Amino acid sequence: MALFKRRTVGRPGEWFYCLEHGKVEEGPDCPGKDRMGPYASREDAQHAMRTAQERNLQWETDPRWHDSAARGEDGEV
């Protein structure tokens, strides 16, 4: 007997984007390592890659994450 049951069916309204297959799926059909989500709607899941790209760009250009460069070589402000 298994200690943990593998959940094969998602909850209604849970949408995921599968990175392996490049498709939207309702419920977790693919392993967690291959999916993004859950998303509130199918449309949100369809735009998962664009949303991730936008968030990555925001992070890369956020000065709070690059404060060492603003201080200078010696670490002073």
Protein backbone atom coordinates (compact mmCIF):
# COMPACT_ATOMS: atom_id res chain seq x y z
CA MET A 1 0.00 0.00 0.00
CA ALA A 2 1.37 3.39 -0.98
CA LEU A 3 1.86 6.01 1.70
CA PHE A 4 0.91 8.83 -0.64
CA LYS A 5 -1.69 8.71 -3.33
CA ARG A 6 -0.76 10.36 -6.58
CA ARG A 7 -3.40 12.87 -7.53
CA THR A 8 -4.22 12.27 -11.17
CA VAL A 9 -7.25 14.50 -11.51
CA GLY A 10 -7.16 18.21 -10.83
CA ARG A 11 -9.79 20.31 -9.22
CA PRO A 12 -12.34 21.88 -11.55
CA GLY A 13 -11.08 25.26 -12.65
CA GLU A 14 -7.36 24.49 -12.14
CA TRP A 15 -5.48 25.24 -15.34
CA PHE A 16 -1.84 24.46 -16.05
CA TYR A 17 0.61 25.06 -18.87
CA CYS A 18 2.67 21.99 -19.76
CA LEU A 19 6.24 22.92 -20.70
CA GLU A 20 6.92 19.47 -22.14
CA HIS A 21 4.00 19.46 -24.57
CA GLY A 22 3.47 23.23 -24.95
CA LYS A 23 -0.22 22.98 -24.22
CA VAL A 24 -2.83 24.04 -21.69
CA GLU A 25 -4.39 21.34 -19.56
CA GLU A 26 -7.14 21.31 -16.97
CA GLY A 27 -5.91 19.55 -13.90
CA PRO A 28 -2.35 18.28 -13.45
CA ASP A 29 -1.98 15.78 -16.28
CA CYS A 30 1.81 16.07 -16.47
CA PRO A 31 4.41 15.91 -13.67
CA GLY A 32 4.98 19.05 -11.61
CA LYS A 33 8.48 19.53 -13.02
CA ASP A 34 6.97 20.00 -16.49
CA ARG A 35 4.15 22.42 -15.72
CA MET A 36 3.40 25.96 -14.63
CA GLY A 37 0.33 26.83 -12.62
CA PRO A 38 -2.29 26.53 -11.39
CA TYR A 39 -3.94 29.44 -13.15
CA ALA A 40 -7.45 30.75 -12.53
CA SER A 41 -8.52 30.47 -16.16
CA ARG A 42 -7.63 28.77 -19.42
CA GLU A 43 -6.67 32.15 -20.89
CA ASP A 44 -4.21 32.83 -18.06
CA ALA A 45 -2.61 29.42 -18.64
CA GLN A 46 -2.36 30.10 -22.39
CA HIS A 47 -0.31 33.21 -21.62
CA ALA A 48 1.93 31.49 -19.04
CA MET A 49 5.14 31.82 -21.07
CA ARG A 50 4.50 35.49 -21.86
CA THR A 51 3.71 36.20 -18.21
CA ALA A 52 6.93 34.47 -17.12
CA GLN A 53 8.94 36.42 -19.70
CA GLU A 54 7.46 39.72 -18.50
CA ARG A 55 8.17 38.88 -14.87
CA ASN A 56 11.74 37.85 -15.70
CA LEU A 57 12.28 41.16 -17.46
CA GLN A 58 10.90 43.07 -14.47
CA TRP A 59 13.23 41.15 -12.16
CA GLU A 60 16.26 41.69 -14.40
CA THR A 61 15.67 45.44 -14.52
CA ASP A 62 14.65 45.91 -10.87
CA PRO A 63 17.31 48.03 -9.15
CA ARG A 64 16.57 46.36 -5.79
CA TRP A 65 18.07 43.12 -7.14
CA HIS A 66 21.13 44.87 -8.52
CA ASP A 67 22.08 47.06 -5.59
CA SER A 68 25.72 45.89 -5.55
CA ALA A 69 26.31 47.52 -8.95
CA ALA A 70 24.86 50.81 -7.68
CA ARG A 71 27.24 50.87 -4.72
CA GLY A 72 30.41 50.77 -6.76
CA GLU A 73 33.47 48.55 -6.63
CA ASP A 74 34.32 49.19 -2.97
CA GLY A 75 30.77 48.53 -1.69
CA GLU A 76 30.07 52.10 -0.63
CA VAL A 77 27.00 54.03 -1.73
